[in-house]
Amino acid sequence: MVNPAARSDKGSPMCGMQILNADMVKKCFIVKRGDGKGCAGIVNALFYANNISMVCGDALALLQKMTESVNKRFGLPAAA
């Protein structure tokens, strides 16, 4: 879980659940199929934070493209 409401919103049904502190990183890319609320039906404020970039689409295909782009940018060999 990455929704910071689990840490700070006492009225949230997620309050007290363990989360990854994605809201505290310098830059984070989140890959989702769309901009829906997800299975919990709760809006995730993390997705609207300034340090977050939302990338919509198929995770495997997007991560392959992102990896290729980074490898090309830094002159690294293509992933096998």
PDB file of N, CA and C in Angstrom:
ATOM      1  N   MET A   1       0.840  -1.165   0.000  1.00  0.00           N
ATOM      2  CA  MET A   1       0.000   0.000   0.000  1.00  0.00           C
ATOM      3  C   MET A   1       0.890   1.235   0.000  1.00  0.00           C
ATOM      4  N   VAL A   2       0.456   2.259  -0.722  1.00  0.00           N
ATOM      5  CA  VAL A   2       1.222   3.498  -0.793  1.00  0.00           C
ATOM      6  C   VAL A   2       0.402   4.729  -0.405  1.00  0.00           C
ATOM      7  N   ASN A   3      -0.824   4.537   0.003  1.00  0.00           N
ATOM      8  CA  ASN A   3      -1.693   5.676   0.326  1.00  0.00           C
ATOM      9  C   ASN A   3      -1.298   6.275   1.680  1.00  0.00           C
ATOM     10  N   PRO A   4      -0.807   7.531   1.687  1.00  0.00           N
ATOM     11  CA  PRO A   4      -0.384   8.154   2.942  1.00  0.00           C
ATOM     12  C   PRO A   4      -1.522   8.350   3.943  1.00  0.00           C
ATOM     13  N   ALA A   5      -2.773   8.214   3.508  1.00  0.00           N
ATOM     14  CA  ALA A   5      -3.901   8.327   4.428  1.00  0.00           C
ATOM     15  C   ALA A   5      -3.829   7.244   5.503  1.00  0.00           C
ATOM     16  N   ALA A   6      -3.198   6.127   5.180  1.00  0.00           N
ATOM     17  CA  ALA A   6      -3.063   5.047   6.158  1.00  0.00           C
ATOM     18  C   ALA A   6      -2.203   5.484   7.344  1.00  0.00           C
ATOM     19  N   ARG A   7      -1.351   6.465   7.122  1.00  0.00           N
ATOM     20  CA  ARG A   7      -0.471   6.964   8.179  1.00  0.00           C
ATOM     21  C   ARG A   7      -1.078   8.147   8.926  1.00  0.00           C
ATOM     22  N   SER A   8      -1.836   8.989   8.208  1.00  0.00           N
ATOM     23  CA  SER A   8      -2.206  10.269   8.803  1.00  0.00           C
ATOM     24  C   SER A   8      -3.695  10.538   8.965  1.00  0.00           C
ATOM     25  N   ASP A   9      -4.551   9.830   8.261  1.00  0.00           N
ATOM     26  CA  ASP A   9      -5.981  10.117   8.306  1.00  0.00           C
ATOM     27  C   ASP A   9      -6.682   9.151   9.262  1.00  0.00           C
ATOM     28  N   LYS A  10      -6.940   9.618  10.472  1.00  0.00           N
ATOM     29  CA  LYS A  10      -7.554   8.771  11.503  1.00  0.00           C
ATOM     30  C   LYS A  10      -8.946   8.282  11.105  1.00  0.00           C
ATOM     31  N   GLY A  11      -9.606   8.978  10.181  1.00  0.00           N
ATOM     32  CA  GLY A  11     -10.931   8.576   9.745  1.00  0.00           C
ATOM     33  C   GLY A  11     -10.925   7.597   8.574  1.00  0.00           C
ATOM     34  N   SER A  12      -9.756   7.298   8.051  1.00  0.00           N
ATOM     35  CA  SER A  12      -9.646   6.400   6.910  1.00  0.00           C
ATOM     36  C   SER A  12      -9.737   4.944   7.359  1.00  0.00           C
ATOM     37  N   PRO A  13     -10.409   4.108   6.580  1.00  0.00           N
ATOM     38  CA  PRO A  13     -10.448   2.682   6.928  1.00  0.00           C
ATOM     39  C   PRO A  13      -9.076   2.023   6.815  1.00  0.00           C
ATOM     40  N   MET A  14      -8.132   2.707   6.212  1.00  0.00           N
ATOM     41  CA  MET A  14      -6.775   2.175   6.083  1.00  0.00           C
ATOM     42  C   MET A  14      -5.863   2.594   7.231  1.00  0.00           C
ATOM     43  N   CYS A  15      -6.342   3.457   8.093  1.00  0.00           N
ATOM     44  CA  CYS A  15      -5.509   4.006   9.161  1.00  0.00           C
ATOM     45  C   CYS A  15      -4.829   2.897   9.951  1.00  0.00           C
ATOM     46  N   GLY A  16      -3.532   3.027  10.097  1.00  0.00           N
ATOM     47  CA  GLY A  16      -2.750   2.069  10.871  1.00  0.00           C
ATOM     48  C   GLY A  16      -2.131   0.958  10.042  1.00  0.00           C
ATOM     49  N   MET A  17      -2.554   0.810   8.788  1.00  0.00           N
ATOM     50  CA  MET A  17      -1.949  -0.212   7.931  1.00  0.00           C
ATOM     51  C   MET A  17      -0.533   0.204   7.564  1.00  0.00           C
ATOM     52  N   GLN A  18       0.318  -0.768   7.347  1.00  0.00           N
ATOM     53  CA  GLN A  18       1.689  -0.473   6.927  1.00  0.00           C
ATOM     54  C   GLN A  18       1.697  -0.017   5.478  1.00  0.00           C
ATOM     55  N   ILE A  19       2.529   0.967   5.188  1.00  0.00           N
ATOM     56  CA  ILE A  19       2.626   1.475   3.821  1.00  0.00           C
ATOM     57  C   ILE A  19       4.087   1.641   3.436  1.00  0.00           C
ATOM     58  N   LEU A  20       4.328   1.669   2.127  1.00  0.00           N
ATOM     59  CA  LEU A  20       5.624   2.090   1.602  1.00  0.00           C
ATOM     60  C   LEU A  20       5.615   3.607   1.640  1.00  0.00           C
ATOM     61  N   ASN A  21       6.690   4.220   2.046  1.00  0.00           N
ATOM     62  CA  ASN A  21       6.742   5.676   2.185  1.00  0.00           C
ATOM     63  C   ASN A  21       7.057   6.357   0.855  1.00  0.00           C
ATOM     64  N   ALA A  22       6.287   6.030  -0.173  1.00  0.00           N
ATOM     65  CA  ALA A  22       6.503   6.596  -1.504  1.00  0.00           C
ATOM     66  C   ALA A  22       6.306   8.104  -1.514  1.00  0.00           C
ATOM     67  N   ASP A  23       5.523   8.626  -0.587  1.00  0.00           N
ATOM     68  CA  ASP A  23       5.286  10.069  -0.539  1.00  0.00           C
ATOM     69  C   ASP A  23       6.499  10.840  -0.018  1.00  0.00           C
ATOM     70  N   MET A  24       7.495  10.145   0.479  1.00  0.00           N
ATOM     71  CA  MET A  24       8.667  10.808   1.062  1.00  0.00           C
ATOM     72  C   MET A  24       9.901  10.764   0.152  1.00  0.00           C
ATOM     73  N   VAL A  25       9.760  10.211  -1.039  1.00  0.00           N
ATOM     74  CA  VAL A  25      10.900  10.118  -1.948  1.00  0.00           C
ATOM     75  C   VAL A  25      11.017  11.380  -2.789  1.00  0.00           C
ATOM     76  N   LYS A  26      12.194  11.566  -3.385  1.00  0.00           N
ATOM     77  CA  LYS A  26      12.425  12.746  -4.210  1.00  0.00           C
ATOM     78  C   LYS A  26      11.576  12.703  -5.485  1.00  0.00           C
ATOM     79  N   LYS A  27      11.527  11.557  -6.150  1.00  0.00           N
ATOM     80  CA  LYS A  27      10.753  11.399  -7.377  1.00  0.00           C
ATOM     81  C   LYS A  27      10.289   9.954  -7.471  1.00  0.00           C
ATOM     82  N   CYS A  28       9.033   9.749  -7.865  1.00  0.00           N
ATOM     83  CA  CYS A  28       8.468   8.407  -7.955  1.00  0.00           C
ATOM     84  C   CYS A  28       7.578   8.320  -9.193  1.00  0.00           C
ATOM     85  N   PHE A  29       7.709   7.224  -9.923  1.00  0.00           N
ATOM     86  CA  PHE A  29       6.824   6.940 -11.047  1.00  0.00           C
ATOM     87  C   PHE A  29       5.867   5.845 -10.607  1.00  0.00           C
ATOM     88  N   ILE A  30       4.584   6.094 -10.767  1.00  0.00           N
ATOM     89  CA  ILE A  30       3.572   5.104 -10.429  1.00  0.00           C
ATOM     90  C   ILE A  30       2.930   4.649 -11.723  1.00  0.00           C
ATOM     91  N   VAL A  31       2.924   3.335 -11.917  1.00  0.00           N
ATOM     92  CA  VAL A  31       2.333   2.762 -13.114  1.00  0.00           C
ATOM     93  C   VAL A  31       0.978   2.171 -12.747  1.00  0.00           C
ATOM     94  N   LYS A  32      -0.060   2.659 -13.419  1.00  0.00           N
ATOM     95  CA  LYS A  32      -1.422   2.164 -13.208  1.00  0.00           C
ATOM     96  C   LYS A  32      -2.104   2.021 -14.556  1.00  0.00           C
ATOM     97  N   ARG A  33      -3.101   1.183 -14.605  1.00  0.00           N
ATOM     98  CA  ARG A  33      -3.860   1.018 -15.851  1.00  0.00           C
ATOM     99  C   ARG A  33      -4.739   2.235 -16.127  1.00  0.00           C
ATOM    100  N   GLY A  34      -5.173   2.932 -15.102  1.00  0.00           N
ATOM    101  CA  GLY A  34      -6.027   4.099 -15.273  1.00  0.00           C
ATOM    102  C   GLY A  34      -6.011   4.949 -14.024  1.00  0.00           C
ATOM    103  N   ASP A  35      -6.864   5.946 -13.981  1.00  0.00           N
ATOM    104  CA  ASP A  35      -6.853   6.874 -12.849  1.00  0.00           C
ATOM    105  C   ASP A  35      -8.003   6.624 -11.872  1.00  0.00           C
ATOM    106  N   GLY A  36      -8.531   5.412 -11.859  1.00  0.00           N
ATOM    107  CA  GLY A  36      -9.614   5.070 -10.944  1.00  0.00           C
ATOM    108  C   GLY A  36      -9.153   5.004  -9.492  1.00  0.00           C
ATOM    109  N   LYS A  37     -10.113   4.789  -8.601  1.00  0.00           N
ATOM    110  CA  LYS A  37      -9.836   4.765  -7.169  1.00  0.00           C
ATOM    111  C   LYS A  37      -9.199   3.461  -6.704  1.00  0.00           C
ATOM    112  N   GLY A  38      -9.229   2.425  -7.497  1.00  0.00           N
ATOM    113  CA  GLY A  38      -8.649   1.152  -7.099  1.00  0.00           C
ATOM    114  C   GLY A  38      -9.629   0.289  -6.328  1.00  0.00           C
ATOM    115  N   CYS A  39      -9.158  -0.851  -5.875  1.00  0.00           N
ATOM    116  CA  CYS A  39     -10.061  -1.829  -5.261  1.00  0.00           C
ATOM    117  C   CYS A  39     -10.625  -1.352  -3.924  1.00  0.00           C
ATOM    118  N   ALA A  40      -9.934  -0.478  -3.219  1.00  0.00           N
ATOM    119  CA  ALA A  40     -10.432   0.013  -1.933  1.00  0.00           C
ATOM    120  C   ALA A  40     -11.496   1.098  -2.109  1.00  0.00           C
ATOM    121  N   GLY A  41     -11.589   1.683  -3.299  1.00  0.00           N
ATOM    122  CA  GLY A  41     -12.563   2.740  -3.550  1.00  0.00           C
ATOM    123  C   GLY A  41     -12.221   4.053  -2.875  1.00  0.00           C
ATOM    124  N   ILE A  42     -10.953   4.232  -2.518  1.00  0.00           N
ATOM    125  CA  ILE A  42     -10.501   5.430  -1.807  1.00  0.00           C
ATOM    126  C   ILE A  42      -9.537   6.202  -2.703  1.00  0.00           C
ATOM    127  N   VAL A  43      -9.739   7.506  -2.824  1.00  0.00           N
ATOM    128  CA  VAL A  43      -8.818   8.347  -3.592  1.00  0.00           C
ATOM    129  C   VAL A  43      -7.464   8.349  -2.892  1.00  0.00           C
ATOM    130  N   ASN A  44      -6.395   8.173  -3.667  1.00  0.00           N
ATOM    131  CA  ASN A  44      -5.049   8.159  -3.106  1.00  0.00           C
ATOM    132  C   ASN A  44      -4.389   9.505  -3.364  1.00  0.00           C
ATOM    133  N   ALA A  45      -4.217  10.305  -2.327  1.00  0.00           N
ATOM    134  CA  ALA A  45      -3.616  11.640  -2.447  1.00  0.00           C
ATOM    135  C   ALA A  45      -2.195  11.573  -2.993  1.00  0.00           C
ATOM    136  N   LEU A  46      -1.522  10.449  -2.811  1.00  0.00           N
ATOM    137  CA  LEU A  46      -0.153  10.288  -3.313  1.00  0.00           C
ATOM    138  C   LEU A  46      -0.097  10.558  -4.810  1.00  0.00           C
ATOM    139  N   PHE A  47      -1.119  10.122  -5.539  1.00  0.00           N
ATOM    140  CA  PHE A  47      -1.112  10.244  -6.987  1.00  0.00           C
ATOM    141  C   PHE A  47      -1.131  11.690  -7.465  1.00  0.00           C
ATOM    142  N   TYR A  48      -1.435  12.625  -6.578  1.00  0.00           N
ATOM    143  CA  TYR A  48      -1.516  14.036  -6.946  1.00  0.00           C
ATOM    144  C   TYR A  48      -0.387  14.875  -6.341  1.00  0.00           C
ATOM    145  N   ALA A  49       0.571  14.216  -5.709  1.00  0.00           N
ATOM    146  CA  ALA A  49       1.695  14.922  -5.093  1.00  0.00           C
ATOM    147  C   ALA A  49       2.672  15.422  -6.162  1.00  0.00           C
ATOM    148  N   ASN A  50       3.401  16.482  -5.855  1.00  0.00           N
ATOM    149  CA  ASN A  50       4.337  17.091  -6.807  1.00  0.00           C
ATOM    150  C   ASN A  50       5.509  16.182  -7.172  1.00  0.00           C
ATOM    151  N   ASN A  51       5.873  15.259  -6.296  1.00  0.00           N
ATOM    152  CA  ASN A  51       7.024  14.396  -6.561  1.00  0.00           C
ATOM    153  C   ASN A  51       6.635  13.096  -7.273  1.00  0.00           C
ATOM    154  N   ILE A  52       5.385  12.986  -7.686  1.00  0.00           N
ATOM    155  CA  ILE A  52       4.872  11.767  -8.296  1.00  0.00           C
ATOM    156  C   ILE A  52       4.553  12.000  -9.768  1.00  0.00           C
ATOM    157  N   SER A  53       4.946  11.056 -10.604  1.00  0.00           N
ATOM    158  CA  SER A  53       4.547  11.059 -12.004  1.00  0.00           C
ATOM    159  C   SER A  53       3.733   9.794 -12.246  1.00  0.00           C
ATOM    160  N   MET A  54       2.502   9.973 -12.689  1.00  0.00           N
ATOM    161  CA  MET A  54       1.619   8.850 -12.973  1.00  0.00           C
ATOM    162  C   MET A  54       1.802   8.457 -14.430  1.00  0.00           C
ATOM    163  N   VAL A  55       2.025   7.173 -14.650  1.00  0.00           N
ATOM    164  CA  VAL A  55       2.169   6.635 -15.991  1.00  0.00           C
ATOM    165  C   VAL A  55       1.077   5.582 -16.147  1.00  0.00           C
ATOM    166  N   CYS A  56       0.157   5.804 -17.073  1.00  0.00           N
ATOM    167  CA  CYS A  56      -0.962   4.878 -17.256  1.00  0.00           C
ATOM    168  C   CYS A  56      -0.682   3.909 -18.390  1.00  0.00           C
ATOM    169  N   GLY A  57      -0.980   2.643 -18.143  1.00  0.00           N
ATOM    170  CA  GLY A  57      -0.822   1.624 -19.162  1.00  0.00           C
ATOM    171  C   GLY A  57      -0.433   0.287 -18.559  1.00  0.00           C
ATOM    172  N   ASP A  58      -0.068  -0.634 -19.413  1.00  0.00           N
ATOM    173  CA  ASP A  58       0.355  -1.964 -18.992  1.00  0.00           C
ATOM    174  C   ASP A  58       1.740  -1.879 -18.337  1.00  0.00           C
ATOM    175  N   ALA A  59       1.847  -2.336 -17.097  1.00  0.00           N
ATOM    176  CA  ALA A  59       3.084  -2.176 -16.326  1.00  0.00           C
ATOM    177  C   ALA A  59       4.286  -2.823 -16.999  1.00  0.00           C
ATOM    178  N   LEU A  60       4.156  -4.038 -17.487  1.00  0.00           N
ATOM    179  CA  LEU A  60       5.292  -4.723 -18.099  1.00  0.00           C
ATOM    180  C   LEU A  60       5.788  -3.971 -19.327  1.00  0.00           C
ATOM    181  N   ALA A  61       4.879  -3.598 -20.210  1.00  0.00           N
ATOM    182  CA  ALA A  61       5.274  -2.886 -21.424  1.00  0.00           C
ATOM    183  C   ALA A  61       5.896  -1.530 -21.099  1.00  0.00           C
ATOM    184  N   LEU A  62       5.304  -0.800 -20.167  1.00  0.00           N
ATOM    185  CA  LEU A  62       5.846   0.511 -19.798  1.00  0.00           C
ATOM    186  C   LEU A  62       7.220   0.406 -19.149  1.00  0.00           C
ATOM    187  N   LEU A  63       7.393  -0.553 -18.251  1.00  0.00           N
ATOM    188  CA  LEU A  63       8.692  -0.701 -17.592  1.00  0.00           C
ATOM    189  C   LEU A  63       9.774  -1.133 -18.569  1.00  0.00           C
ATOM    190  N   GLN A  64       9.423  -1.950 -19.555  1.00  0.00           N
ATOM    191  CA  GLN A  64      10.392  -2.313 -20.584  1.00  0.00           C
ATOM    192  C   GLN A  64      10.815  -1.088 -21.378  1.00  0.00           C
ATOM    193  N   LYS A  65       9.854  -0.253 -21.755  1.00  0.00           N
ATOM    194  CA  LYS A  65      10.173   0.967 -22.504  1.00  0.00           C
ATOM    195  C   LYS A  65      10.997   1.936 -21.662  1.00  0.00           C
ATOM    196  N   MET A  66      10.642   2.078 -20.384  1.00  0.00           N
ATOM    197  CA  MET A  66      11.390   2.976 -19.502  1.00  0.00           C
ATOM    198  C   MET A  66      12.827   2.488 -19.322  1.00  0.00           C
ATOM    199  N   THR A  67      12.996   1.185 -19.150  1.00  0.00           N
ATOM    200  CA  THR A  67      14.336   0.606 -18.989  1.00  0.00           C
ATOM    201  C   THR A  67      15.164   0.825 -20.248  1.00  0.00           C
ATOM    202  N   GLU A  68      14.564   0.594 -21.406  1.00  0.00           N
ATOM    203  CA  GLU A  68      15.268   0.818 -22.674  1.00  0.00           C
ATOM    204  C   GLU A  68      15.703   2.270 -22.804  1.00  0.00           C
ATOM    205  N   SER A  69      14.830   3.184 -22.431  1.00  0.00           N
ATOM    206  CA  SER A  69      15.135   4.607 -22.530  1.00  0.00           C
ATOM    207  C   SER A  69      16.297   5.000 -21.613  1.00  0.00           C
ATOM    208  N   VAL A  70      16.269   4.513 -20.375  1.00  0.00           N
ATOM    209  CA  VAL A  70      17.346   4.820 -19.424  1.00  0.00           C
ATOM    210  C   VAL A  70      18.662   4.215 -19.910  1.00  0.00           C
ATOM    211  N   ASN A  71      18.613   2.966 -20.367  1.00  0.00           N
ATOM    212  CA  ASN A  71      19.830   2.313 -20.867  1.00  0.00           C
ATOM    213  C   ASN A  71      20.415   3.076 -22.042  1.00  0.00           C
ATOM    214  N   LYS A  72      19.551   3.505 -22.969  1.00  0.00           N
ATOM    215  CA  LYS A  72      20.014   4.260 -24.127  1.00  0.00           C
ATOM    216  C   LYS A  72      20.614   5.597 -23.697  1.00  0.00           C
ATOM    217  N   ARG A  73      19.945   6.275 -22.783  1.00  0.00           N
ATOM    218  CA  ARG A  73      20.410   7.592 -22.307  1.00  0.00           C
ATOM    219  C   ARG A  73      21.793   7.521 -21.672  1.00  0.00           C
ATOM    220  N   PHE A  74      22.075   6.445 -20.956  1.00  0.00           N
ATOM    221  CA  PHE A  74      23.347   6.311 -20.248  1.00  0.00           C
ATOM    222  C   PHE A  74      24.323   5.366 -20.949  1.00  0.00           C
ATOM    223  N   GLY A  75      24.015   4.968 -22.167  1.00  0.00           N
ATOM    224  CA  GLY A  75      24.920   4.137 -22.937  1.00  0.00           C
ATOM    225  C   GLY A  75      25.117   2.743 -22.382  1.00  0.00           C
ATOM    226  N   LEU A  76      24.089   2.224 -21.729  1.00  0.00           N
ATOM    227  CA  LEU A  76      24.172   0.889 -21.149  1.00  0.00           C
ATOM    228  C   LEU A  76      23.671  -0.137 -22.154  1.00  0.00           C
ATOM    229  N   PRO A  77      24.133  -1.385 -22.031  1.00  0.00           N
ATOM    230  CA  PRO A  77      23.629  -2.407 -22.958  1.00  0.00           C
ATOM    231  C   PRO A  77      22.152  -2.679 -22.732  1.00  0.00           C
ATOM    232  N   ALA A  78      21.498  -3.109 -23.783  1.00  0.00           N
ATOM    233  CA  ALA A  78      20.068  -3.432 -23.701  1.00  0.00           C
ATOM    234  C   ALA A  78      19.874  -4.612 -22.778  1.00  0.00           C
ATOM    235  N   ALA A  79      18.777  -4.612 -22.052  1.00  0.00           N
ATOM    236  CA  ALA A  79      18.460  -5.731 -21.152  1.00  0.00           C
ATOM    237  C   ALA A  79      18.171  -6.969 -21.982  1.00  0.00           C
ATOM    238  N   ALA A  80      18.562  -8.111 -21.437  1.00  0.00           N
ATOM    239  CA  ALA A  80      18.344  -9.390 -22.151  1.00  0.00           C
ATOM    240  C   ALA A  80      16.926  -9.856 -22.013  1.00  0.00           C
TER     241      ALA A  80
END
